Amino acid sequence: MQKLLVALLSLNLLSSSVRADQKGFDLKETKGQYLDITWQGRLVGRYLTSRDSTPEKSHEILKPYLDLYDAQGTDPITEGPPHPGIFIGYDKLRVNGKTYDLWHMKNGDQIHQNFSSMKANPESASFTSLVNWNDSNNTTLLAEDRTFTFLTPPAYAYIEVDMVSKLTALAGDTQLDGQVKKAGIHFYAGNGMHVSQTVYVFPKKQADPHTDVDYPWVGESFTLKGKEYSVVYLNDPSNPRNALFSDYGDSGRLGYFFKTTVAKGQTFILHVRFLISEGEMPSAELIQKAYNDFAGRSDPVPDVTILKGQAMGVGK
């Protein structure tokens, strides 16, 4: 009996779960590896938390990130390392006169510490990952509360997920900066996508993604393993203004570049939402409604510009 109790205790240390019911959301953690998010019994997301610092595997998990899955819950539709799913990073993070690359993790690390919160019910599931942004001496520059909330999606989508990043500057006034394609919150479509079929939708007539700022939303359609998927990225109006749309090429990447300076001891908050559909891009009317619901606005449906990613020639 004692051996059985020890075995059960050891198993519990390796995994934990928060269950709602088969019609709703569940969370299940495999400690030190990942947290699975299921909806109606199907895997919809996996948040990767492992970190292997050996030279052979140092690029397998560069930083904590979220993978999203297909409508059947069998295969990821986001790309794994070195360009992982949904994540945040800055390749020019400046503190006390020094510059750190916390996008490629060349002179620092983003390290998941633990989950401060995990909740699941029939309508939603949320979790908060505590992530330390450290320099190469393991000094924490930024402490992050990274919260993902999976919501019951609208009829035309099968995943709706919010990301809220709260970054607190610990080591000094911290400038979040970088190359426009290597800074901010990004979504990467999966490996094996057909690059010639990547299409972007911008909420503006004659849009110029190279120079326009503060798009409320951007849509992308891509084809992966013979199936078409659409992702809509919603930008909360509380995020910093003058944000460039940071990538729009045939790579299948979506991102906003939010540039700011965080005073020591202060907290900077970013809030975005992703809507994932299988099939064609939802109409501008549906997307605008989703944005208005998200942002608490009543903006009219805009004219749109549709551009092929390959024609823009912006790669990874």
C-alpha atoms as a PDB file:
ATOM      1  CA  MET A   1       0.000   0.000   0.000  1.00  0.00           C
ATOM      2  CA  GLN A   2       2.798   2.413   0.894  1.00  0.00           C
ATOM      3  CA  LYS A   3       4.519   1.773  -2.464  1.00  0.00           C
ATOM      4  CA  LEU A   4       1.232   2.436  -4.262  1.00  0.00           C
ATOM      5  CA  LEU A   5       0.775   5.745  -2.441  1.00  0.00           C
ATOM      6  CA  VAL A   6       4.333   6.799  -3.342  1.00  0.00           C
ATOM      7  CA  ALA A   7       3.729   5.909  -6.991  1.00  0.00           C
ATOM      8  CA  LEU A   8       0.493   7.880  -7.090  1.00  0.00           C
ATOM      9  CA  LEU A   9       2.178  10.873  -5.458  1.00  0.00           C
ATOM     10  CA  SER A  10       5.017  10.760  -7.999  1.00  0.00           C
ATOM     11  CA  LEU A  11       2.523  10.646 -10.862  1.00  0.00           C
ATOM     12  CA  ASN A  12       0.694  13.672  -9.463  1.00  0.00           C
ATOM     13  CA  LEU A  13       3.964  15.636  -9.338  1.00  0.00           C
ATOM     14  CA  LEU A  14       4.449  14.991 -13.061  1.00  0.00           C
ATOM     15  CA  SER A  15       1.002  16.085 -14.167  1.00  0.00           C
ATOM     16  CA  SER A  16      -1.968  18.098 -12.974  1.00  0.00           C
ATOM     17  CA  SER A  17      -5.274  18.998 -14.552  1.00  0.00           C
ATOM     18  CA  VAL A  18      -8.237  21.335 -14.261  1.00  0.00           C
ATOM     19  CA  ARG A  19     -11.369  19.783 -15.720  1.00  0.00           C
ATOM     20  CA  ALA A  20     -14.721  21.229 -16.688  1.00  0.00           C
ATOM     21  CA  ASP A  21     -16.575  18.598 -18.712  1.00  0.00           C
ATOM     22  CA  GLN A  22     -16.429  16.955 -22.138  1.00  0.00           C
ATOM     23  CA  LYS A  23     -18.630  19.705 -23.575  1.00  0.00           C
ATOM     24  CA  GLY A  24     -16.357  22.458 -22.286  1.00  0.00           C
ATOM     25  CA  PHE A  25     -12.681  23.145 -21.696  1.00  0.00           C
ATOM     26  CA  ASP A  26     -10.005  21.151 -19.868  1.00  0.00           C
ATOM     27  CA  LEU A  27      -6.421  21.965 -18.894  1.00  0.00           C
ATOM     28  CA  LYS A  28      -3.819  19.273 -18.252  1.00  0.00           C
ATOM     29  CA  GLU A  29      -0.195  19.969 -17.367  1.00  0.00           C
ATOM     30  CA  THR A  30       2.727  17.640 -17.940  1.00  0.00           C
ATOM     31  CA  LYS A  31       5.143  19.307 -15.563  1.00  0.00           C
ATOM     32  CA  GLY A  32       8.318  20.640 -17.074  1.00  0.00           C
ATOM     33  CA  GLN A  33       7.060  19.983 -20.610  1.00  0.00           C
ATOM     34  CA  TYR A  34       3.735  21.526 -21.640  1.00  0.00           C
ATOM     35  CA  LEU A  35       0.151  22.384 -20.781  1.00  0.00           C
ATOM     36  CA  ASP A  36      -2.620  20.994 -23.004  1.00  0.00           C
ATOM     37  CA  ILE A  37      -5.865  22.878 -23.634  1.00  0.00           C
ATOM     38  CA  THR A  38      -8.804  20.777 -24.859  1.00  0.00           C
ATOM     39  CA  TRP A  39     -12.292  21.799 -25.908  1.00  0.00           C
ATOM     40  CA  GLN A  40     -15.123  19.300 -26.327  1.00  0.00           C
ATOM     41  CA  GLY A  41     -12.537  16.541 -25.951  1.00  0.00           C
ATOM     42  CA  ARG A  42     -10.274  17.854 -28.741  1.00  0.00           C
ATOM     43  CA  LEU A  43      -6.801  19.291 -28.334  1.00  0.00           C
ATOM     44  CA  VAL A  44      -6.926  22.966 -29.393  1.00  0.00           C
ATOM     45  CA  GLY A  45      -3.672  24.276 -27.924  1.00  0.00           C
ATOM     46  CA  ARG A  46      -0.408  23.261 -26.258  1.00  0.00           C
ATOM     47  CA  TYR A  47       1.724  25.703 -24.292  1.00  0.00           C
ATOM     48  CA  LEU A  48       5.384  24.590 -24.332  1.00  0.00           C
ATOM     49  CA  THR A  49       7.352  25.262 -21.146  1.00  0.00           C
ATOM     50  CA  SER A  50      10.412  22.990 -21.289  1.00  0.00           C
ATOM     51  CA  ARG A  51      13.895  24.408 -21.512  1.00  0.00           C
ATOM     52  CA  ASP A  52      17.007  22.430 -22.505  1.00  0.00           C
ATOM     53  CA  SER A  53      20.191  24.481 -22.373  1.00  0.00           C
ATOM     54  CA  THR A  54      22.489  21.844 -23.892  1.00  0.00           C
ATOM     55  CA  PRO A  55      24.135  22.931 -27.182  1.00  0.00           C
ATOM     56  CA  GLU A  56      22.394  20.116 -29.060  1.00  0.00           C
ATOM     57  CA  LYS A  57      18.921  21.199 -28.023  1.00  0.00           C
ATOM     58  CA  SER A  58      19.275  24.876 -27.166  1.00  0.00           C
ATOM     59  CA  HIS A  59      17.177  25.908 -30.186  1.00  0.00           C
ATOM     60  CA  GLU A  60      14.419  23.335 -29.777  1.00  0.00           C
ATOM     61  CA  ILE A  61      12.599  25.413 -27.180  1.00  0.00           C
ATOM     62  CA  LEU A  62      14.000  28.933 -27.460  1.00  0.00           C
ATOM     63  CA  LYS A  63      11.231  30.399 -25.328  1.00  0.00           C
ATOM     64  CA  PRO A  64       7.793  29.502 -23.959  1.00  0.00           C
ATOM     65  CA  TYR A  65       5.173  29.552 -26.707  1.00  0.00           C
ATOM     66  CA  LEU A  66       1.663  28.403 -27.645  1.00  0.00           C
ATOM     67  CA  ASP A  67       0.946  25.930 -30.455  1.00  0.00           C
ATOM     68  CA  LEU A  68      -2.550  25.792 -31.959  1.00  0.00           C
ATOM     69  CA  TYR A  69      -4.091  22.653 -33.484  1.00  0.00           C
ATOM     70  CA  ASP A  70      -6.356  21.772 -36.378  1.00  0.00           C
ATOM     71  CA  ALA A  71     -10.124  21.386 -36.002  1.00  0.00           C
ATOM     72  CA  GLN A  72      -9.734  17.638 -35.386  1.00  0.00           C
ATOM     73  CA  GLY A  73      -7.193  18.160 -32.605  1.00  0.00           C
ATOM     74  CA  THR A  74      -4.551  15.973 -34.242  1.00  0.00           C
ATOM     75  CA  ASP A  75      -1.861  18.203 -35.807  1.00  0.00           C
ATOM     76  CA  PRO A  76      -0.478  21.657 -35.017  1.00  0.00           C
ATOM     77  CA  ILE A  77      -1.232  24.417 -37.512  1.00  0.00           C
ATOM     78  CA  THR A  78       1.469  26.671 -36.039  1.00  0.00           C
ATOM     79  CA  GLU A  79       5.182  26.263 -36.586  1.00  0.00           C
ATOM     80  CA  GLY A  80       7.507  24.769 -34.014  1.00  0.00           C
ATOM     81  CA  PRO A  81      11.051  25.958 -33.225  1.00  0.00           C
ATOM     82  CA  PRO A  82      12.926  28.026 -34.139  1.00  0.00           C
ATOM     83  CA  HIS A  83       9.874  30.155 -35.089  1.00  0.00           C
ATOM     84  CA  PRO A  84       7.347  28.964 -32.520  1.00  0.00           C
ATOM     85  CA  GLY A  85       3.546  29.357 -32.705  1.00  0.00           C
ATOM     86  CA  ILE A  86       2.314  32.370 -30.746  1.00  0.00           C
ATOM     87  CA  PHE A  87       4.947  34.159 -28.680  1.00  0.00           C
ATOM     88  CA  ILE A  88       6.422  37.508 -27.659  1.00  0.00           C
ATOM     89  CA  GLY A  89      10.001  38.709 -27.984  1.00  0.00           C
ATOM     90  CA  TYR A  90      12.256  41.688 -28.722  1.00  0.00           C
ATOM     91  CA  ASP A  91      15.637  41.455 -30.426  1.00  0.00           C
ATOM     92  CA  LYS A  92      16.760  44.849 -29.083  1.00  0.00           C
ATOM     93  CA  LEU A  93      15.853  45.114 -25.431  1.00  0.00           C
ATOM     94  CA  ARG A  94      17.913  47.881 -23.854  1.00  0.00           C
ATOM     95  CA  VAL A  95      18.591  48.120 -20.107  1.00  0.00           C
ATOM     96  CA  ASN A  96      21.254  50.167 -18.322  1.00  0.00           C
ATOM     97  CA  GLY A  97      23.192  50.868 -21.510  1.00  0.00           C
ATOM     98  CA  LYS A  98      23.242  47.238 -22.672  1.00  0.00           C
ATOM     99  CA  THR A  99      21.287  45.606 -25.505  1.00  0.00           C
ATOM    100  CA  TYR A 100      19.851  42.097 -25.243  1.00  0.00           C
ATOM    101  CA  ASP A 101      18.413  39.849 -27.942  1.00  0.00           C
ATOM    102  CA  LEU A 102      15.411  38.213 -26.297  1.00  0.00           C
ATOM    103  CA  TRP A 103      13.977  37.089 -29.620  1.00  0.00           C
ATOM    104  CA  HIS A 104      16.749  34.693 -30.686  1.00  0.00           C
ATOM    105  CA  MET A 105      17.915  34.304 -27.047  1.00  0.00           C
ATOM    106  CA  LYS A 106      21.531  35.014 -28.022  1.00  0.00           C
ATOM    107  CA  ASN A 107      22.510  36.689 -24.741  1.00  0.00           C
ATOM    108  CA  GLY A 108      19.598  35.878 -22.494  1.00  0.00           C
ATOM    109  CA  ASP A 109      16.606  33.604 -21.930  1.00  0.00           C
ATOM    110  CA  GLN A 110      12.878  33.592 -21.425  1.00  0.00           C
ATOM    111  CA  ILE A 111      12.254  30.914 -18.805  1.00  0.00           C
ATOM    112  CA  HIS A 112       8.855  29.666 -17.634  1.00  0.00           C
ATOM    113  CA  GLN A 113       8.817  29.535 -13.832  1.00  0.00           C
ATOM    114  CA  ASN A 114       5.394  28.105 -13.024  1.00  0.00           C
ATOM    115  CA  PHE A 115       1.679  28.581 -13.592  1.00  0.00           C
ATOM    116  CA  SER A 116       0.217  31.062 -11.139  1.00  0.00           C
ATOM    117  CA  SER A 117      -3.332  30.318 -12.290  1.00  0.00           C
ATOM    118  CA  MET A 118      -5.224  27.616 -14.191  1.00  0.00           C
ATOM    119  CA  LYS A 119      -9.004  27.747 -14.641  1.00  0.00           C
ATOM    120  CA  ALA A 120     -11.450  25.828 -16.833  1.00  0.00           C
ATOM    121  CA  ASN A 121     -15.224  25.790 -17.174  1.00  0.00           C
ATOM    122  CA  PRO A 122     -17.728  24.955 -19.946  1.00  0.00           C
ATOM    123  CA  GLU A 123     -17.328  28.413 -21.556  1.00  0.00           C
ATOM    124  CA  SER A 124     -13.599  29.156 -21.246  1.00  0.00           C
ATOM    125  CA  ALA A 125     -10.161  28.124 -20.020  1.00  0.00           C
ATOM    126  CA  SER A 126      -7.327  30.382 -18.901  1.00  0.00           C
ATOM    127  CA  PHE A 127      -3.841  30.046 -17.481  1.00  0.00           C
ATOM    128  CA  THR A 128      -1.059  32.414 -16.484  1.00  0.00           C
ATOM    129  CA  SER A 129       2.576  31.509 -17.087  1.00  0.00           C
ATOM    130  CA  LEU A 130       5.180  33.357 -15.033  1.00  0.00           C
ATOM    131  CA  VAL A 131       8.132  33.992 -17.363  1.00  0.00           C
ATOM    132  CA  ASN A 132      11.475  35.527 -16.414  1.00  0.00           C
ATOM    133  CA  TRP A 133      13.322  37.436 -19.133  1.00  0.00           C
ATOM    134  CA  ASN A 134      16.930  36.959 -17.981  1.00  0.00           C
ATOM    135  CA  ASP A 135      20.335  38.114 -19.164  1.00  0.00           C
ATOM    136  CA  SER A 136      23.216  35.680 -19.688  1.00  0.00           C
ATOM    137  CA  ASN A 137      24.104  35.959 -15.978  1.00  0.00           C
ATOM    138  CA  ASN A 138      20.588  34.844 -15.032  1.00  0.00           C
ATOM    139  CA  THR A 139      19.633  38.300 -13.766  1.00  0.00           C
ATOM    140  CA  THR A 140      15.933  38.952 -14.402  1.00  0.00           C
ATOM    141  CA  LEU A 141      15.419  42.018 -16.584  1.00  0.00           C
ATOM    142  CA  LEU A 142      11.656  41.652 -17.022  1.00  0.00           C
ATOM    143  CA  ALA A 143       9.149  39.573 -15.076  1.00  0.00           C
ATOM    144  CA  GLU A 144       6.176  38.591 -17.219  1.00  0.00           C
ATOM    145  CA  ASP A 145       2.686  37.384 -16.394  1.00  0.00           C
ATOM    146  CA  ARG A 146       1.594  35.770 -19.693  1.00  0.00           C
ATOM    147  CA  THR A 147      -2.088  34.859 -19.725  1.00  0.00           C
ATOM    148  CA  PHE A 148      -3.901  32.921 -22.443  1.00  0.00           C
ATOM    149  CA  THR A 149      -7.683  32.655 -22.362  1.00  0.00           C
ATOM    150  CA  PHE A 150      -9.511  30.248 -24.673  1.00  0.00           C
ATOM    151  CA  LEU A 151     -13.112  31.274 -25.277  1.00  0.00           C
ATOM    152  CA  THR A 152     -16.067  29.534 -26.873  1.00  0.00           C
ATOM    153  CA  PRO A 153     -15.547  30.563 -30.512  1.00  0.00           C
ATOM    154  CA  PRO A 154     -18.147  32.063 -32.862  1.00  0.00           C
ATOM    155  CA  ALA A 155     -19.836  29.721 -35.331  1.00  0.00           C
ATOM    156  CA  TYR A 156     -17.397  30.455 -38.180  1.00  0.00           C
ATOM    157  CA  ALA A 157     -14.269  29.694 -36.080  1.00  0.00           C
ATOM    158  CA  TYR A 158     -13.030  26.792 -33.982  1.00  0.00           C
ATOM    159  CA  ILE A 159     -10.489  28.615 -31.780  1.00  0.00           C
ATOM    160  CA  GLU A 160     -10.751  32.002 -30.087  1.00  0.00           C
ATOM    161  CA  VAL A 161      -7.840  32.843 -27.803  1.00  0.00           C
ATOM    162  CA  ASP A 162      -6.715  36.002 -26.016  1.00  0.00           C
ATOM    163  CA  MET A 163      -3.133  36.738 -25.010  1.00  0.00           C
ATOM    164  CA  VAL A 164      -2.343  39.287 -22.311  1.00  0.00           C
ATOM    165  CA  SER A 165       1.314  39.987 -21.570  1.00  0.00           C
ATOM    166  CA  LYS A 166       2.199  41.999 -18.443  1.00  0.00           C
ATOM    167  CA  LEU A 167       5.894  42.933 -18.445  1.00  0.00           C
ATOM    168  CA  THR A 168       7.414  44.446 -15.293  1.00  0.00           C
ATOM    169  CA  ALA A 169      10.838  46.124 -15.553  1.00  0.00           C
ATOM    170  CA  LEU A 170      13.059  44.971 -12.691  1.00  0.00           C
ATOM    171  CA  ALA A 171      16.646  45.901 -13.607  1.00  0.00           C
ATOM    172  CA  GLY A 172      16.129  49.491 -14.761  1.00  0.00           C
ATOM    173  CA  ASP A 173      14.271  51.548 -17.334  1.00  0.00           C
ATOM    174  CA  THR A 174      13.761  49.119 -20.202  1.00  0.00           C
ATOM    175  CA  GLN A 175      13.348  49.977 -23.882  1.00  0.00           C
ATOM    176  CA  LEU A 176      11.444  47.401 -25.942  1.00  0.00           C
ATOM    177  CA  ASP A 177      12.779  47.823 -29.466  1.00  0.00           C
ATOM    178  CA  GLY A 178      14.098  45.875 -32.408  1.00  0.00           C
ATOM    179  CA  GLN A 179      13.773  45.065 -36.068  1.00  0.00           C
ATOM    180  CA  VAL A 180      10.174  45.376 -37.143  1.00  0.00           C
ATOM    181  CA  LYS A 181      10.005  41.638 -38.025  1.00  0.00           C
ATOM    182  CA  LYS A 182      11.700  40.506 -34.829  1.00  0.00           C
ATOM    183  CA  ALA A 183       9.828  42.275 -32.075  1.00  0.00           C
ATOM    184  CA  GLY A 184       6.344  42.132 -30.586  1.00  0.00           C
ATOM    185  CA  ILE A 185       3.686  39.410 -30.456  1.00  0.00           C
ATOM    186  CA  HIS A 186       3.709  37.062 -33.435  1.00  0.00           C
ATOM    187  CA  PHE A 187       1.798  34.158 -34.951  1.00  0.00           C
ATOM    188  CA  TYR A 188       3.649  31.666 -37.172  1.00  0.00           C
ATOM    189  CA  ALA A 189       1.749  29.346 -39.505  1.00  0.00           C
ATOM    190  CA  GLY A 190       2.852  25.704 -39.593  1.00  0.00           C
ATOM    191  CA  ASN A 191       5.725  24.006 -41.365  1.00  0.00           C
ATOM    192  CA  GLY A 192       4.853  22.716 -44.832  1.00  0.00           C
ATOM    193  CA  MET A 193       2.421  25.475 -45.772  1.00  0.00           C
ATOM    194  CA  HIS A 194       2.010  26.280 -49.478  1.00  0.00           C
ATOM    195  CA  VAL A 195       3.640  29.705 -49.616  1.00  0.00           C
ATOM    196  CA  SER A 196       2.153  30.640 -52.992  1.00  0.00           C
ATOM    197  CA  GLN A 197      -1.340  30.439 -51.473  1.00  0.00           C
ATOM    198  CA  THR A 198      -0.757  32.805 -48.534  1.00  0.00           C
ATOM    199  CA  VAL A 199      -3.190  35.739 -48.670  1.00  0.00           C
ATOM    200  CA  TYR A 200      -3.493  38.734 -46.338  1.00  0.00           C
ATOM    201  CA  VAL A 201      -6.488  40.999 -45.700  1.00  0.00           C
ATOM    202  CA  PHE A 202      -5.967  44.541 -44.383  1.00  0.00           C
ATOM    203  CA  PRO A 203      -8.797  46.785 -43.087  1.00  0.00           C
ATOM    204  CA  LYS A 204      -8.028  49.775 -45.275  1.00  0.00           C
ATOM    205  CA  LYS A 205      -8.489  50.809 -48.887  1.00  0.00           C
ATOM    206  CA  GLN A 206      -5.157  50.768 -50.754  1.00  0.00           C
ATOM    207  CA  ALA A 207      -3.376  49.570 -47.633  1.00  0.00           C
ATOM    208  CA  ASP A 208       0.424  49.757 -47.484  1.00  0.00           C
ATOM    209  CA  PRO A 209       1.558  47.367 -44.737  1.00  0.00           C
ATOM    210  CA  HIS A 210       5.118  48.700 -44.985  1.00  0.00           C
ATOM    211  CA  THR A 211       4.118  52.140 -43.692  1.00  0.00           C
ATOM    212  CA  ASP A 212       0.577  52.005 -42.245  1.00  0.00           C
ATOM    213  CA  VAL A 213       0.217  51.945 -38.461  1.00  0.00           C
ATOM    214  CA  ASP A 214      -2.406  50.827 -35.964  1.00  0.00           C
ATOM    215  CA  TYR A 215      -4.455  48.374 -37.980  1.00  0.00           C
ATOM    216  CA  PRO A 216      -7.300  47.271 -35.675  1.00  0.00           C
ATOM    217  CA  TRP A 217      -7.115  43.808 -37.201  1.00  0.00           C
ATOM    218  CA  VAL A 218      -5.369  41.806 -39.918  1.00  0.00           C
ATOM    219  CA  GLY A 219      -6.417  38.514 -41.514  1.00  0.00           C
ATOM    220  CA  GLU A 220      -4.394  35.772 -43.183  1.00  0.00           C
ATOM    221  CA  SER A 221      -5.361  32.627 -45.093  1.00  0.00           C
ATOM    222  CA  PHE A 222      -2.854  29.825 -45.642  1.00  0.00           C
ATOM    223  CA  THR A 223      -2.916  26.234 -46.903  1.00  0.00           C
ATOM    224  CA  LEU A 224      -1.351  23.448 -44.870  1.00  0.00           C
ATOM    225  CA  LYS A 225      -1.476  19.739 -45.753  1.00  0.00           C
ATOM    226  CA  GLY A 226      -4.171  20.396 -48.335  1.00  0.00           C
ATOM    227  CA  LYS A 227      -6.446  22.343 -45.983  1.00  0.00           C
ATOM    228  CA  GLU A 228      -7.098  26.057 -45.904  1.00  0.00           C
ATOM    229  CA  TYR A 229      -6.980  27.908 -42.588  1.00  0.00           C
ATOM    230  CA  SER A 230      -7.677  31.505 -41.690  1.00  0.00           C
ATOM    231  CA  VAL A 231      -6.357  33.470 -38.739  1.00  0.00           C
ATOM    232  CA  VAL A 232      -7.533  36.912 -37.661  1.00  0.00           C
ATOM    233  CA  TYR A 233      -5.309  38.947 -35.330  1.00  0.00           C
ATOM    234  CA  LEU A 234      -7.157  41.606 -33.283  1.00  0.00           C
ATOM    235  CA  ASN A 235      -5.198  44.540 -31.822  1.00  0.00           C
ATOM    236  CA  ASP A 236      -6.643  46.010 -28.621  1.00  0.00           C
ATOM    237  CA  PRO A 237      -6.908  49.842 -28.821  1.00  0.00           C
ATOM    238  CA  SER A 238      -5.245  50.098 -25.397  1.00  0.00           C
ATOM    239  CA  ASN A 239      -1.962  48.831 -26.907  1.00  0.00           C
ATOM    240  CA  PRO A 240       0.710  51.433 -27.782  1.00  0.00           C
ATOM    241  CA  ARG A 241      -0.082  53.607 -30.793  1.00  0.00           C
ATOM    242  CA  ASN A 242       1.982  53.885 -33.979  1.00  0.00           C
ATOM    243  CA  ALA A 243       2.325  50.106 -34.056  1.00  0.00           C
ATOM    244  CA  LEU A 244       3.609  48.770 -37.367  1.00  0.00           C
ATOM    245  CA  PHE A 245       2.337  45.508 -38.749  1.00  0.00           C
ATOM    246  CA  SER A 246       5.580  43.624 -38.487  1.00  0.00           C
ATOM    247  CA  ASP A 247       5.387  40.887 -41.102  1.00  0.00           C
ATOM    248  CA  TYR A 248       3.205  40.054 -44.062  1.00  0.00           C
ATOM    249  CA  GLY A 249       5.202  37.842 -46.413  1.00  0.00           C
ATOM    250  CA  ASP A 250       4.868  34.305 -47.723  1.00  0.00           C
ATOM    251  CA  SER A 251       6.205  33.022 -44.383  1.00  0.00           C
ATOM    252  CA  GLY A 252       2.695  32.882 -42.922  1.00  0.00           C
ATOM    253  CA  ARG A 253       3.691  35.134 -40.060  1.00  0.00           C
ATOM    254  CA  LEU A 254       1.458  37.765 -38.471  1.00  0.00           C
ATOM    255  CA  GLY A 255       2.803  40.266 -35.986  1.00  0.00           C
ATOM    256  CA  TYR A 256       2.494  43.718 -34.480  1.00  0.00           C
ATOM    257  CA  PHE A 257       5.566  45.679 -33.424  1.00  0.00           C
ATOM    258  CA  PHE A 258       4.767  47.484 -30.164  1.00  0.00           C
ATOM    259  CA  LYS A 259       7.646  49.810 -29.253  1.00  0.00           C
ATOM    260  CA  THR A 260       7.812  51.441 -25.838  1.00  0.00           C
ATOM    261  CA  THR A 261       9.945  52.173 -22.763  1.00  0.00           C
ATOM    262  CA  VAL A 262       8.996  50.695 -19.387  1.00  0.00           C
ATOM    263  CA  ALA A 263      10.255  52.593 -16.330  1.00  0.00           C
ATOM    264  CA  LYS A 264      11.882  50.540 -13.586  1.00  0.00           C
ATOM    265  CA  GLY A 265       9.235  49.023 -11.346  1.00  0.00           C
ATOM    266  CA  GLN A 266       6.438  49.752 -13.822  1.00  0.00           C
ATOM    267  CA  THR A 267       4.333  47.242 -15.759  1.00  0.00           C
ATOM    268  CA  PHE A 268       3.580  47.330 -19.483  1.00  0.00           C
ATOM    269  CA  ILE A 269       0.474  45.472 -20.727  1.00  0.00           C
ATOM    270  CA  LEU A 270      -0.297  44.111 -24.207  1.00  0.00           C
ATOM    271  CA  HIS A 271      -3.624  42.513 -25.188  1.00  0.00           C
ATOM    272  CA  VAL A 272      -4.386  40.741 -28.470  1.00  0.00           C
ATOM    273  CA  ARG A 273      -6.850  38.109 -29.716  1.00  0.00           C
ATOM    274  CA  PHE A 274      -6.670  35.392 -32.367  1.00  0.00           C
ATOM    275  CA  LEU A 275      -9.598  33.800 -34.236  1.00  0.00           C
ATOM    276  CA  ILE A 276      -8.853  30.583 -36.123  1.00  0.00           C
ATOM    277  CA  SER A 277     -11.122  29.136 -38.829  1.00  0.00           C
ATOM    278  CA  GLU A 278     -10.903  26.173 -41.148  1.00  0.00           C
ATOM    279  CA  GLY A 279     -11.646  27.310 -44.693  1.00  0.00           C
ATOM    280  CA  GLU A 280     -11.960  30.733 -46.268  1.00  0.00           C
ATOM    281  CA  MET A 281     -11.389  34.000 -44.458  1.00  0.00           C
ATOM    282  CA  PRO A 282     -14.523  35.267 -42.664  1.00  0.00           C
ATOM    283  CA  SER A 283     -16.131  38.323 -44.250  1.00  0.00           C
ATOM    284  CA  ALA A 284     -15.041  41.831 -43.296  1.00  0.00           C
ATOM    285  CA  GLU A 285     -18.451  42.241 -41.635  1.00  0.00           C
ATOM    286  CA  LEU A 286     -17.850  39.256 -39.334  1.00  0.00           C
ATOM    287  CA  ILE A 287     -14.294  40.306 -38.555  1.00  0.00           C
ATOM    288  CA  GLN A 288     -15.308  43.874 -37.757  1.00  0.00           C
ATOM    289  CA  LYS A 289     -18.064  42.627 -35.467  1.00  0.00           C
ATOM    290  CA  ALA A 290     -15.525  40.415 -33.684  1.00  0.00           C
ATOM    291  CA  TYR A 291     -13.202  43.393 -33.297  1.00  0.00           C
ATOM    292  CA  ASN A 292     -15.966  45.681 -32.014  1.00  0.00           C
ATOM    293  CA  ASP A 293     -16.989  43.039 -29.457  1.00  0.00           C
ATOM    294  CA  PHE A 294     -13.349  42.629 -28.413  1.00  0.00           C
ATOM    295  CA  ALA A 295     -12.545  46.338 -28.208  1.00  0.00           C
ATOM    296  CA  GLY A 296     -15.899  47.638 -26.982  1.00  0.00           C
ATOM    297  CA  ARG A 297     -16.373  49.773 -30.075  1.00  0.00           C
ATOM    298  CA  SER A 298     -18.937  50.314 -32.826  1.00  0.00           C
ATOM    299  CA  ASP A 299     -16.663  51.069 -35.786  1.00  0.00           C
ATOM    300  CA  PRO A 300     -18.078  50.646 -39.303  1.00  0.00           C
ATOM    301  CA  VAL A 301     -17.018  47.868 -41.651  1.00  0.00           C
ATOM    302  CA  PRO A 302     -13.945  49.145 -43.526  1.00  0.00           C
ATOM    303  CA  ASP A 303     -12.916  48.761 -47.130  1.00  0.00           C
ATOM    304  CA  VAL A 304     -10.246  46.081 -47.375  1.00  0.00           C
ATOM    305  CA  THR A 305      -7.079  45.382 -49.345  1.00  0.00           C
ATOM    306  CA  ILE A 306      -6.210  41.797 -50.266  1.00  0.00           C
ATOM    307  CA  LEU A 307      -2.561  41.018 -50.983  1.00  0.00           C
ATOM    308  CA  LYS A 308      -0.744  37.795 -51.788  1.00  0.00           C
ATOM    309  CA  GLY A 309       2.111  37.082 -49.443  1.00  0.00           C
ATOM    310  CA  GLN A 310       4.460  35.749 -52.102  1.00  0.00           C
ATOM    311  CA  ALA A 311       4.130  38.936 -54.122  1.00  0.00           C
ATOM    312  CA  MET A 312       5.415  40.944 -51.171  1.00  0.00           C
ATOM    313  CA  GLY A 313       8.548  38.851 -50.999  1.00  0.00           C
ATOM    314  CA  VAL A 314       9.024  39.096 -47.248  1.00  0.00           C
ATOM    315  CA  GLY A 315      10.421  35.857 -45.882  1.00  0.00           C
ATOM    316  CA  LYS A 316      11.198  34.500 -42.457  1.00  0.00           C
END
